[in-house]
Amino acid sequence: YCMFEHAFKERERPADYKKGDSERHYCDFSPLVAPLKCVVLPLINHAGLNAKTAELKKALVRAGVSSKVDDTGVSVGKRYARTDECGIPFAITVDFTTIEDNSVTVRILD
């Protein structure tokens, strides 16, 4: 409970804030205590990207890294925002370069 209470944050409201707008709450877990360490985000829904995403997820499971895959149809920016709200500290983006040379983009979400 103490870790959740310490990690729970609220962003400052913008100057044009209107009552009834959604609150801007999020969690800011340290990577050491975050329940999920990373999220894997394929850039778009594409057969090649989905195959690389599944391959990466299996490698993370074998390495003992807790992670999730977010392959919903919304934009990658919205998926980053959703990940930030949950307090997941790292995001791995799978894009078309991944298909060519097996490289990914790793972002620290803070």
N, C-alpha and C. Protein backbone atom coordinates (compact mmCIF):
# COMPACT_ATOMS: atom_id res chain seq x y z
N TYR A 1 0.82 -1.19 0.00
CA TYR A 1 0.00 0.00 0.00
C TYR A 1 0.87 1.25 0.00
N CYS A 2 1.92 1.25 0.79
CA CYS A 2 2.79 2.42 0.88
C CYS A 2 3.46 2.73 -0.46
N MET A 3 3.86 1.68 -1.20
CA MET A 3 4.49 1.91 -2.50
C MET A 3 3.49 2.55 -3.47
N PHE A 4 2.25 2.06 -3.46
CA PHE A 4 1.24 2.64 -4.35
C PHE A 4 0.94 4.08 -3.96
N GLU A 5 0.85 4.35 -2.67
CA GLU A 5 0.57 5.71 -2.23
C GLU A 5 1.70 6.66 -2.61
N HIS A 6 2.93 6.19 -2.47
CA HIS A 6 4.09 7.02 -2.81
C HIS A 6 4.19 7.25 -4.32
N ALA A 7 3.78 6.28 -5.12
CA ALA A 7 3.91 6.37 -6.58
C ALA A 7 2.75 7.13 -7.23
N PHE A 8 1.66 7.31 -6.52
CA PHE A 8 0.48 7.97 -7.10
C PHE A 8 0.72 9.47 -7.22
N LYS A 9 0.59 10.02 -8.43
CA LYS A 9 0.88 11.43 -8.70
C LYS A 9 -0.29 12.07 -9.45
N GLU A 10 -0.29 13.39 -9.47
CA GLU A 10 -1.27 14.14 -10.25
C GLU A 10 -0.54 15.24 -11.00
N ARG A 11 -0.75 15.29 -12.30
CA ARG A 11 -0.15 16.35 -13.11
C ARG A 11 -0.85 17.67 -12.83
N GLU A 12 -0.11 18.75 -12.99
CA GLU A 12 -0.72 20.06 -12.83
C GLU A 12 -1.75 20.27 -13.93
N ARG A 13 -2.83 20.95 -13.56
CA ARG A 13 -3.88 21.22 -14.53
C ARG A 13 -3.44 22.38 -15.43
N PRO A 14 -3.75 22.29 -16.73
CA PRO A 14 -3.39 23.39 -17.62
C PRO A 14 -4.23 24.62 -17.31
N ALA A 15 -3.78 25.76 -17.80
CA ALA A 15 -4.48 27.02 -17.53
C ALA A 15 -5.90 27.01 -18.06
N ASP A 16 -6.15 26.29 -19.15
CA ASP A 16 -7.49 26.26 -19.75
C ASP A 16 -8.33 25.09 -19.23
N TYR A 17 -8.01 24.60 -18.03
CA TYR A 17 -8.72 23.48 -17.43
C TYR A 17 -10.19 23.82 -17.21
N LYS A 18 -11.06 22.91 -17.61
CA LYS A 18 -12.49 23.08 -17.42
C LYS A 18 -12.97 22.00 -16.48
N LYS A 19 -13.83 22.40 -15.54
CA LYS A 19 -14.37 21.42 -14.60
C LYS A 19 -15.06 20.32 -15.40
N GLY A 20 -14.85 19.11 -15.02
CA GLY A 20 -15.42 17.97 -15.73
C GLY A 20 -14.41 17.29 -16.64
N ASP A 21 -13.29 17.97 -16.95
CA ASP A 21 -12.24 17.31 -17.71
C ASP A 21 -11.66 16.17 -16.88
N SER A 22 -11.12 15.19 -17.54
CA SER A 22 -10.58 14.05 -16.80
C SER A 22 -9.38 14.50 -15.97
N GLU A 23 -9.26 13.91 -14.80
CA GLU A 23 -8.12 14.20 -13.94
C GLU A 23 -6.87 13.61 -14.57
N ARG A 24 -5.75 14.12 -14.19
CA ARG A 24 -4.49 13.67 -14.76
C ARG A 24 -3.67 12.93 -13.71
N HIS A 25 -4.20 11.79 -13.30
CA HIS A 25 -3.52 10.95 -12.31
C HIS A 25 -2.68 9.90 -13.01
N TYR A 26 -1.57 9.55 -12.40
CA TYR A 26 -0.72 8.51 -12.95
C TYR A 26 0.13 7.92 -11.83
N CYS A 27 0.78 6.82 -12.11
CA CYS A 27 1.69 6.20 -11.15
C CYS A 27 3.12 6.38 -11.63
N ASP A 28 4.02 6.61 -10.70
CA ASP A 28 5.43 6.82 -11.03
C ASP A 28 6.27 5.85 -10.20
N PHE A 29 6.26 4.58 -10.60
CA PHE A 29 7.00 3.55 -9.86
C PHE A 29 8.47 3.59 -10.23
N SER A 30 9.31 3.34 -9.26
CA SER A 30 10.72 3.10 -9.53
C SER A 30 10.80 1.78 -10.29
N PRO A 31 11.72 1.65 -11.24
CA PRO A 31 11.84 0.38 -11.97
C PRO A 31 12.08 -0.82 -11.06
N LEU A 32 12.67 -0.59 -9.90
CA LEU A 32 12.94 -1.71 -8.98
C LEU A 32 11.67 -2.31 -8.40
N VAL A 33 10.62 -1.50 -8.22
CA VAL A 33 9.41 -2.01 -7.57
C VAL A 33 8.20 -2.02 -8.50
N ALA A 34 8.34 -1.60 -9.73
CA ALA A 34 7.21 -1.58 -10.66
C ALA A 34 6.70 -2.99 -10.90
N PRO A 35 5.38 -3.20 -10.80
CA PRO A 35 4.83 -4.54 -11.04
C PRO A 35 5.11 -5.05 -12.45
N LEU A 36 5.02 -4.17 -13.43
CA LEU A 36 5.39 -4.50 -14.81
C LEU A 36 6.60 -3.65 -15.18
N LYS A 37 7.63 -4.26 -15.69
CA LYS A 37 8.86 -3.53 -16.01
C LYS A 37 8.81 -2.84 -17.36
N CYS A 38 8.11 -3.44 -18.33
CA CYS A 38 8.08 -2.83 -19.66
C CYS A 38 6.83 -3.22 -20.42
N VAL A 39 6.56 -2.44 -21.44
CA VAL A 39 5.47 -2.73 -22.36
C VAL A 39 6.08 -2.84 -23.76
N VAL A 40 5.58 -3.76 -24.55
CA VAL A 40 6.03 -3.93 -25.93
C VAL A 40 4.93 -3.38 -26.83
N LEU A 41 5.31 -2.40 -27.66
CA LEU A 41 4.34 -1.71 -28.52
C LEU A 41 4.71 -1.88 -29.99
N PRO A 42 3.97 -2.70 -30.73
CA PRO A 42 4.19 -2.71 -32.18
C PRO A 42 3.66 -1.40 -32.76
N LEU A 43 4.37 -0.83 -33.71
CA LEU A 43 4.01 0.47 -34.26
C LEU A 43 2.59 0.47 -34.83
N ILE A 44 2.28 -0.54 -35.63
CA ILE A 44 0.94 -0.70 -36.19
C ILE A 44 0.60 -2.19 -36.21
N ASN A 45 -0.64 -2.50 -36.55
CA ASN A 45 -1.05 -3.90 -36.68
C ASN A 45 -0.60 -4.40 -38.05
N HIS A 46 0.50 -5.16 -38.06
CA HIS A 46 1.11 -5.66 -39.29
C HIS A 46 1.65 -7.05 -38.97
N ALA A 47 1.49 -7.98 -39.88
CA ALA A 47 1.88 -9.38 -39.63
C ALA A 47 3.34 -9.50 -39.22
N GLY A 48 4.23 -8.82 -39.92
CA GLY A 48 5.66 -8.89 -39.58
C GLY A 48 5.96 -8.30 -38.22
N LEU A 49 5.34 -7.19 -37.90
CA LEU A 49 5.55 -6.55 -36.59
C LEU A 49 4.97 -7.40 -35.47
N ASN A 50 3.82 -8.00 -35.73
CA ASN A 50 3.20 -8.86 -34.72
C ASN A 50 4.06 -10.09 -34.43
N ALA A 51 4.70 -10.64 -35.45
CA ALA A 51 5.58 -11.80 -35.27
C ALA A 51 6.80 -11.42 -34.44
N LYS A 52 7.40 -10.27 -34.73
CA LYS A 52 8.56 -9.80 -33.96
C LYS A 52 8.16 -9.47 -32.52
N THR A 53 6.96 -8.93 -32.34
CA THR A 53 6.46 -8.62 -31.00
C THR A 53 6.32 -9.90 -30.18
N ALA A 54 5.74 -10.93 -30.77
CA ALA A 54 5.58 -12.21 -30.08
C ALA A 54 6.94 -12.81 -29.73
N GLU A 55 7.88 -12.71 -30.64
CA GLU A 55 9.23 -13.23 -30.41
C GLU A 55 9.90 -12.49 -29.24
N LEU A 56 9.75 -11.17 -29.20
CA LEU A 56 10.32 -10.36 -28.12
C LEU A 56 9.66 -10.68 -26.79
N LYS A 57 8.34 -10.85 -26.79
CA LYS A 57 7.62 -11.18 -25.56
C LYS A 57 8.12 -12.51 -25.00
N LYS A 58 8.32 -13.50 -25.86
CA LYS A 58 8.84 -14.80 -25.40
C LYS A 58 10.23 -14.65 -24.80
N ALA A 59 11.08 -13.81 -25.40
CA ALA A 59 12.43 -13.59 -24.87
C ALA A 59 12.37 -12.91 -23.51
N LEU A 60 11.45 -11.98 -23.33
CA LEU A 60 11.30 -11.31 -22.04
C LEU A 60 10.82 -12.28 -20.96
N VAL A 61 9.89 -13.16 -21.32
CA VAL A 61 9.41 -14.17 -20.37
C VAL A 61 10.55 -15.10 -19.97
N ARG A 62 11.33 -15.56 -20.94
CA ARG A 62 12.47 -16.44 -20.65
C ARG A 62 13.48 -15.75 -19.72
N ALA A 63 13.64 -14.42 -19.89
CA ALA A 63 14.59 -13.67 -19.07
C ALA A 63 14.01 -13.29 -17.70
N GLY A 64 12.73 -13.56 -17.49
CA GLY A 64 12.11 -13.25 -16.21
C GLY A 64 11.72 -11.79 -16.04
N VAL A 65 11.54 -11.09 -17.15
CA VAL A 65 11.16 -9.67 -17.11
C VAL A 65 9.64 -9.59 -17.26
N SER A 66 8.99 -9.01 -16.26
CA SER A 66 7.52 -8.87 -16.35
C SER A 66 7.18 -7.78 -17.36
N SER A 67 6.30 -8.13 -18.29
CA SER A 67 5.97 -7.20 -19.36
C SER A 67 4.57 -7.48 -19.87
N LYS A 68 4.09 -6.56 -20.71
CA LYS A 68 2.82 -6.77 -21.39
C LYS A 68 2.94 -6.24 -22.80
N VAL A 69 2.07 -6.72 -23.66
CA VAL A 69 2.01 -6.27 -25.05
C VAL A 69 0.75 -5.44 -25.21
N ASP A 70 0.88 -4.26 -25.80
CA ASP A 70 -0.29 -3.43 -26.10
C ASP A 70 -0.35 -3.28 -27.62
N ASP A 71 -1.17 -4.10 -28.24
CA ASP A 71 -1.30 -4.06 -29.70
C ASP A 71 -2.70 -3.64 -30.12
N THR A 72 -3.34 -2.82 -29.29
CA THR A 72 -4.66 -2.32 -29.63
C THR A 72 -4.56 -1.39 -30.83
N GLY A 73 -5.67 -1.07 -31.41
CA GLY A 73 -5.69 -0.29 -32.64
C GLY A 73 -5.53 1.21 -32.48
N VAL A 74 -5.36 1.71 -31.25
CA VAL A 74 -5.21 3.15 -31.07
C VAL A 74 -3.80 3.59 -31.43
N SER A 75 -3.59 4.89 -31.54
CA SER A 75 -2.28 5.41 -31.94
C SER A 75 -1.22 5.05 -30.90
N VAL A 76 0.01 5.01 -31.34
CA VAL A 76 1.10 4.64 -30.44
C VAL A 76 1.25 5.70 -29.34
N GLY A 77 0.94 6.95 -29.62
CA GLY A 77 1.00 8.00 -28.61
C GLY A 77 0.02 7.76 -27.47
N LYS A 78 -1.19 7.33 -27.81
CA LYS A 78 -2.18 7.01 -26.78
C LYS A 78 -1.75 5.80 -25.97
N ARG A 79 -1.10 4.84 -26.63
CA ARG A 79 -0.63 3.66 -25.91
C ARG A 79 0.51 4.03 -24.96
N TYR A 80 1.38 4.98 -25.37
CA TYR A 80 2.42 5.48 -24.46
C TYR A 80 1.78 6.15 -23.25
N ALA A 81 0.76 6.97 -23.46
CA ALA A 81 0.08 7.66 -22.36
C ALA A 81 -0.56 6.66 -21.41
N ARG A 82 -1.20 5.64 -21.95
CA ARG A 82 -1.83 4.61 -21.12
C ARG A 82 -0.78 3.87 -20.29
N THR A 83 0.36 3.60 -20.90
CA THR A 83 1.46 2.93 -20.21
C THR A 83 1.98 3.80 -19.07
N ASP A 84 2.10 5.10 -19.33
CA ASP A 84 2.57 6.04 -18.32
C ASP A 84 1.62 6.08 -17.13
N GLU A 85 0.33 6.05 -17.38
CA GLU A 85 -0.65 6.08 -16.30
C GLU A 85 -0.51 4.87 -15.38
N CYS A 86 -0.15 3.73 -15.94
CA CYS A 86 -0.01 2.50 -15.16
C CYS A 86 1.29 2.44 -14.38
N GLY A 87 2.23 3.32 -14.69
CA GLY A 87 3.50 3.32 -13.97
C GLY A 87 4.53 2.36 -14.51
N ILE A 88 4.37 1.93 -15.75
CA ILE A 88 5.35 1.03 -16.36
C ILE A 88 6.55 1.88 -16.77
N PRO A 89 7.76 1.56 -16.29
CA PRO A 89 8.89 2.46 -16.50
C PRO A 89 9.56 2.40 -17.88
N PHE A 90 9.39 1.32 -18.63
CA PHE A 90 10.08 1.20 -19.92
C PHE A 90 9.10 0.79 -21.02
N ALA A 91 9.32 1.33 -22.22
CA ALA A 91 8.52 0.96 -23.38
C ALA A 91 9.46 0.52 -24.50
N ILE A 92 9.12 -0.58 -25.14
CA ILE A 92 9.89 -1.11 -26.26
C ILE A 92 8.99 -1.03 -27.49
N THR A 93 9.43 -0.27 -28.48
CA THR A 93 8.64 -0.09 -29.70
C THR A 93 9.23 -0.96 -30.81
N VAL A 94 8.36 -1.75 -31.41
CA VAL A 94 8.74 -2.61 -32.53
C VAL A 94 8.26 -1.91 -33.80
N ASP A 95 9.19 -1.61 -34.72
CA ASP A 95 8.82 -0.93 -35.97
C ASP A 95 9.42 -1.68 -37.16
N PHE A 96 9.36 -1.07 -38.32
CA PHE A 96 9.79 -1.77 -39.53
C PHE A 96 11.31 -1.98 -39.57
N THR A 97 12.07 -1.18 -38.86
CA THR A 97 13.50 -1.41 -38.75
C THR A 97 13.77 -2.71 -38.00
N THR A 98 12.89 -3.06 -37.07
CA THR A 98 13.02 -4.30 -36.31
C THR A 98 13.00 -5.51 -37.25
N ILE A 99 12.16 -5.46 -38.26
CA ILE A 99 12.07 -6.56 -39.22
C ILE A 99 13.39 -6.69 -39.99
N GLU A 100 14.01 -5.55 -40.32
CA GLU A 100 15.23 -5.56 -41.10
C GLU A 100 16.46 -6.01 -40.31
N ASP A 101 16.64 -5.43 -39.10
CA ASP A 101 17.90 -5.69 -38.38
C ASP A 101 17.73 -6.08 -36.91
N ASN A 102 16.52 -6.46 -36.51
CA ASN A 102 16.24 -6.89 -35.14
C ASN A 102 16.53 -5.84 -34.07
N SER A 103 16.52 -4.56 -34.43
CA SER A 103 16.70 -3.51 -33.42
C SER A 103 15.34 -2.98 -32.99
N VAL A 104 15.25 -2.49 -31.78
CA VAL A 104 14.02 -1.90 -31.25
C VAL A 104 14.35 -0.55 -30.62
N THR A 105 13.32 0.22 -30.34
CA THR A 105 13.50 1.48 -29.63
C THR A 105 13.04 1.27 -28.19
N VAL A 106 13.94 1.57 -27.24
CA VAL A 106 13.62 1.45 -25.83
C VAL A 106 13.53 2.86 -25.26
N ARG A 107 12.42 3.16 -24.60
CA ARG A 107 12.22 4.47 -24.01
C ARG A 107 12.04 4.33 -22.51
N ILE A 108 12.62 5.26 -21.77
CA ILE A 108 12.40 5.35 -20.34
C ILE A 108 11.25 6.32 -20.15
N LEU A 109 10.17 5.84 -19.55
CA LEU A 109 8.98 6.68 -19.37
C LEU A 109 9.04 7.31 -18.00
N ASP A 110 9.18 8.63 -17.98
CA ASP A 110 9.19 9.34 -16.70
C ASP A 110 8.42 10.62 -16.76
